[in-house]
Amino acid sequence: AASSLASCIGFSFVLSGAAGSEARAAFTAALQEIVTEALAELSKRFGTAPPVPFSFVSATFSGALSSITEAWLNRRVRGSAAEVAEMFTRTQFEGVEWALGLRAGQLSFEPLHQ
């Protein structure tokens, strides 16, 4: 529990910018790279040509994820980590489907905590 608390405090420190702009920029770049790779893999699996660049989708998704995570860490969003992750994922799916050139419902989400 102490390790989890320390991780949350450190993560909050980076997201808030308190750790400095370089730390936040490094975190953002790493997150966007991971999201871009995941989007490219999904696009490849479905054989789609996205209507917008992966870098755009990655930036919007990563920004939303960072924002909601910071809000949760600062207790402005209620719910367990799993509940917040599920809400975030469900609210993002339509946009990701469109950005990958998919039809509604082609992506599915199964929460890990079930």
C-alpha atoms as a PDB file:
ATOM      1  CA  ALA A   1       0.000   0.000   0.000  1.00  0.00           C
ATOM      2  CA  ALA A   2       2.823   2.421   0.819  1.00  0.00           C
ATOM      3  CA  SER A   3       4.414   1.670  -2.560  1.00  0.00           C
ATOM      4  CA  SER A   4       1.120   2.406  -4.351  1.00  0.00           C
ATOM      5  CA  LEU A   5       0.723   5.645  -2.430  1.00  0.00           C
ATOM      6  CA  ALA A   6       4.262   6.709  -3.307  1.00  0.00           C
ATOM      7  CA  SER A   7       3.616   5.915  -6.974  1.00  0.00           C
ATOM      8  CA  CYS A   8       0.411   7.966  -6.954  1.00  0.00           C
ATOM      9  CA  ILE A   9       2.148  10.904  -5.299  1.00  0.00           C
ATOM     10  CA  GLY A  10       5.019  10.732  -7.799  1.00  0.00           C
ATOM     11  CA  PHE A  11       2.639  10.422 -10.728  1.00  0.00           C
ATOM     12  CA  SER A  12       0.596  13.375  -9.471  1.00  0.00           C
ATOM     13  CA  PHE A  13       3.816  15.364  -9.082  1.00  0.00           C
ATOM     14  CA  VAL A  14       4.704  14.758 -12.751  1.00  0.00           C
ATOM     15  CA  LEU A  15       1.194  15.345 -14.120  1.00  0.00           C
ATOM     16  CA  SER A  16       0.721  18.594 -12.213  1.00  0.00           C
ATOM     17  CA  GLY A  17       3.969  19.965 -13.600  1.00  0.00           C
ATOM     18  CA  ALA A  18       5.460  20.238 -10.114  1.00  0.00           C
ATOM     19  CA  ALA A  19       8.314  17.942 -11.191  1.00  0.00           C
ATOM     20  CA  GLY A  20       9.141  20.403 -13.959  1.00  0.00           C
ATOM     21  CA  SER A  21       8.198  20.804 -17.581  1.00  0.00           C
ATOM     22  CA  GLU A  22      10.867  18.342 -18.755  1.00  0.00           C
ATOM     23  CA  ALA A  23       9.431  15.512 -16.632  1.00  0.00           C
ATOM     24  CA  ARG A  24       5.905  16.178 -17.867  1.00  0.00           C
ATOM     25  CA  ALA A  25       7.117  16.432 -21.484  1.00  0.00           C
ATOM     26  CA  ALA A  26       8.995  13.123 -21.171  1.00  0.00           C
ATOM     27  CA  PHE A  27       5.927  11.425 -19.677  1.00  0.00           C
ATOM     28  CA  THR A  28       3.673  12.855 -22.404  1.00  0.00           C
ATOM     29  CA  ALA A  29       6.046  11.792 -25.187  1.00  0.00           C
ATOM     30  CA  ALA A  30       6.315   8.241 -23.802  1.00  0.00           C
ATOM     31  CA  LEU A  31       2.542   7.939 -23.404  1.00  0.00           C
ATOM     32  CA  GLN A  32       1.895   9.253 -26.916  1.00  0.00           C
ATOM     33  CA  GLU A  33       4.422   6.807 -28.357  1.00  0.00           C
ATOM     34  CA  ILE A  34       2.705   3.878 -26.628  1.00  0.00           C
ATOM     35  CA  VAL A  35      -0.735   5.011 -27.810  1.00  0.00           C
ATOM     36  CA  THR A  36       0.522   5.571 -31.374  1.00  0.00           C
ATOM     37  CA  GLU A  37       1.952   2.036 -31.475  1.00  0.00           C
ATOM     38  CA  ALA A  38      -1.324   0.581 -30.172  1.00  0.00           C
ATOM     39  CA  LEU A  39      -3.357   2.529 -32.750  1.00  0.00           C
ATOM     40  CA  ALA A  40      -1.062   1.420 -35.572  1.00  0.00           C
ATOM     41  CA  GLU A  41      -1.453  -2.205 -34.477  1.00  0.00           C
ATOM     42  CA  LEU A  42      -5.251  -1.902 -34.343  1.00  0.00           C
ATOM     43  CA  SER A  43      -5.348  -0.252 -37.755  1.00  0.00           C
ATOM     44  CA  LYS A  44      -3.169  -3.024 -39.168  1.00  0.00           C
ATOM     45  CA  ARG A  45      -5.365  -5.754 -37.635  1.00  0.00           C
ATOM     46  CA  PHE A  46      -8.537  -4.211 -39.059  1.00  0.00           C
ATOM     47  CA  GLY A  47      -6.926  -3.226 -42.370  1.00  0.00           C
ATOM     48  CA  THR A  48      -8.149   0.361 -42.144  1.00  0.00           C
ATOM     49  CA  ALA A  49      -6.793   3.677 -43.357  1.00  0.00           C
ATOM     50  CA  PRO A  50      -7.329   6.271 -40.620  1.00  0.00           C
ATOM     51  CA  PRO A  51      -8.878   9.619 -41.675  1.00  0.00           C
ATOM     52  CA  VAL A  52      -6.517  11.527 -39.335  1.00  0.00           C
ATOM     53  CA  PRO A  53      -2.853  10.995 -38.417  1.00  0.00           C
ATOM     54  CA  PHE A  54      -2.092   8.641 -35.529  1.00  0.00           C
ATOM     55  CA  SER A  55      -0.119  11.451 -33.905  1.00  0.00           C
ATOM     56  CA  PHE A  56      -3.299  13.549 -33.673  1.00  0.00           C
ATOM     57  CA  VAL A  57      -5.351  10.725 -32.165  1.00  0.00           C
ATOM     58  CA  SER A  58      -2.524   9.852 -29.799  1.00  0.00           C
ATOM     59  CA  ALA A  59      -2.215  13.452 -28.607  1.00  0.00           C
ATOM     60  CA  THR A  60      -5.951  13.790 -27.920  1.00  0.00           C
ATOM     61  CA  PHE A  61      -6.240  10.373 -26.237  1.00  0.00           C
ATOM     62  CA  SER A  62      -3.084  10.886 -24.156  1.00  0.00           C
ATOM     63  CA  GLY A  63      -4.187  14.378 -23.128  1.00  0.00           C
ATOM     64  CA  ALA A  64      -7.565  13.091 -22.008  1.00  0.00           C
ATOM     65  CA  LEU A  65      -5.962  10.196 -20.134  1.00  0.00           C
ATOM     66  CA  SER A  66      -3.498  12.501 -18.365  1.00  0.00           C
ATOM     67  CA  SER A  67      -6.269  14.917 -17.472  1.00  0.00           C
ATOM     68  CA  ILE A  68      -8.641  12.325 -16.048  1.00  0.00           C
ATOM     69  CA  THR A  69      -5.805  10.616 -14.168  1.00  0.00           C
ATOM     70  CA  GLU A  70      -4.742  13.882 -12.581  1.00  0.00           C
ATOM     71  CA  ALA A  71      -8.364  14.660 -11.676  1.00  0.00           C
ATOM     72  CA  TRP A  72      -8.734  11.211 -10.087  1.00  0.00           C
ATOM     73  CA  LEU A  73      -5.489  11.546  -8.142  1.00  0.00           C
ATOM     74  CA  ASN A  74      -6.701  14.933  -6.867  1.00  0.00           C
ATOM     75  CA  ARG A  75     -10.070  13.380  -5.929  1.00  0.00           C
ATOM     76  CA  ARG A  76     -12.061  15.477  -8.401  1.00  0.00           C
ATOM     77  CA  VAL A  77     -13.284  12.235  -9.987  1.00  0.00           C
ATOM     78  CA  ARG A  78     -14.772   9.528  -7.786  1.00  0.00           C
ATOM     79  CA  GLY A  79     -14.374   5.802  -8.159  1.00  0.00           C
ATOM     80  CA  SER A  80     -11.767   3.106  -7.839  1.00  0.00           C
ATOM     81  CA  ALA A  81      -8.891   2.988 -10.306  1.00  0.00           C
ATOM     82  CA  ALA A  82     -10.673   0.171 -12.162  1.00  0.00           C
ATOM     83  CA  GLU A  83     -13.967   2.089 -12.282  1.00  0.00           C
ATOM     84  CA  VAL A  84     -12.320   5.248 -13.574  1.00  0.00           C
ATOM     85  CA  ALA A  85     -10.328   3.247 -16.153  1.00  0.00           C
ATOM     86  CA  GLU A  86     -13.543   1.630 -17.379  1.00  0.00           C
ATOM     87  CA  MET A  87     -15.403   4.960 -17.605  1.00  0.00           C
ATOM     88  CA  PHE A  88     -12.496   6.529 -19.469  1.00  0.00           C
ATOM     89  CA  THR A  89     -12.187   3.664 -21.930  1.00  0.00           C
ATOM     90  CA  ARG A  90     -15.903   3.541 -22.635  1.00  0.00           C
ATOM     91  CA  THR A  91     -16.087   7.291 -23.279  1.00  0.00           C
ATOM     92  CA  GLN A  92     -13.108   7.160 -25.664  1.00  0.00           C
ATOM     93  CA  PHE A  93     -14.123   4.224 -27.861  1.00  0.00           C
ATOM     94  CA  GLU A  94     -16.347   6.008 -30.386  1.00  0.00           C
ATOM     95  CA  GLY A  95     -13.652   8.542 -31.126  1.00  0.00           C
ATOM     96  CA  VAL A  96     -10.964   5.895 -31.476  1.00  0.00           C
ATOM     97  CA  GLU A  97     -13.185   3.798 -33.735  1.00  0.00           C
ATOM     98  CA  TRP A  98     -13.820   6.781 -36.013  1.00  0.00           C
ATOM     99  CA  ALA A  99     -10.141   7.791 -35.991  1.00  0.00           C
ATOM    100  CA  LEU A 100      -9.179   4.282 -37.108  1.00  0.00           C
ATOM    101  CA  GLY A 101     -11.757   4.299 -39.887  1.00  0.00           C
ATOM    102  CA  LEU A 102     -13.866   1.621 -38.190  1.00  0.00           C
ATOM    103  CA  ARG A 103     -17.622   1.256 -37.949  1.00  0.00           C
ATOM    104  CA  ALA A 104     -19.356   1.777 -34.615  1.00  0.00           C
ATOM    105  CA  GLY A 105     -19.105  -1.345 -32.487  1.00  0.00           C
ATOM    106  CA  GLN A 106     -16.039  -2.856 -34.145  1.00  0.00           C
ATOM    107  CA  LEU A 107     -13.951  -2.292 -31.022  1.00  0.00           C
ATOM    108  CA  SER A 108     -15.073  -3.948 -27.824  1.00  0.00           C
ATOM    109  CA  PHE A 109     -14.141  -3.402 -24.222  1.00  0.00           C
ATOM    110  CA  GLU A 110     -14.193  -5.921 -21.427  1.00  0.00           C
ATOM    111  CA  PRO A 111     -13.303  -4.515 -17.989  1.00  0.00           C
ATOM    112  CA  LEU A 112     -10.452  -6.291 -16.225  1.00  0.00           C
ATOM    113  CA  HIS A 113     -12.179  -6.250 -12.837  1.00  0.00           C
ATOM    114  CA  GLN A 114     -15.120  -8.457 -13.809  1.00  0.00           C
END
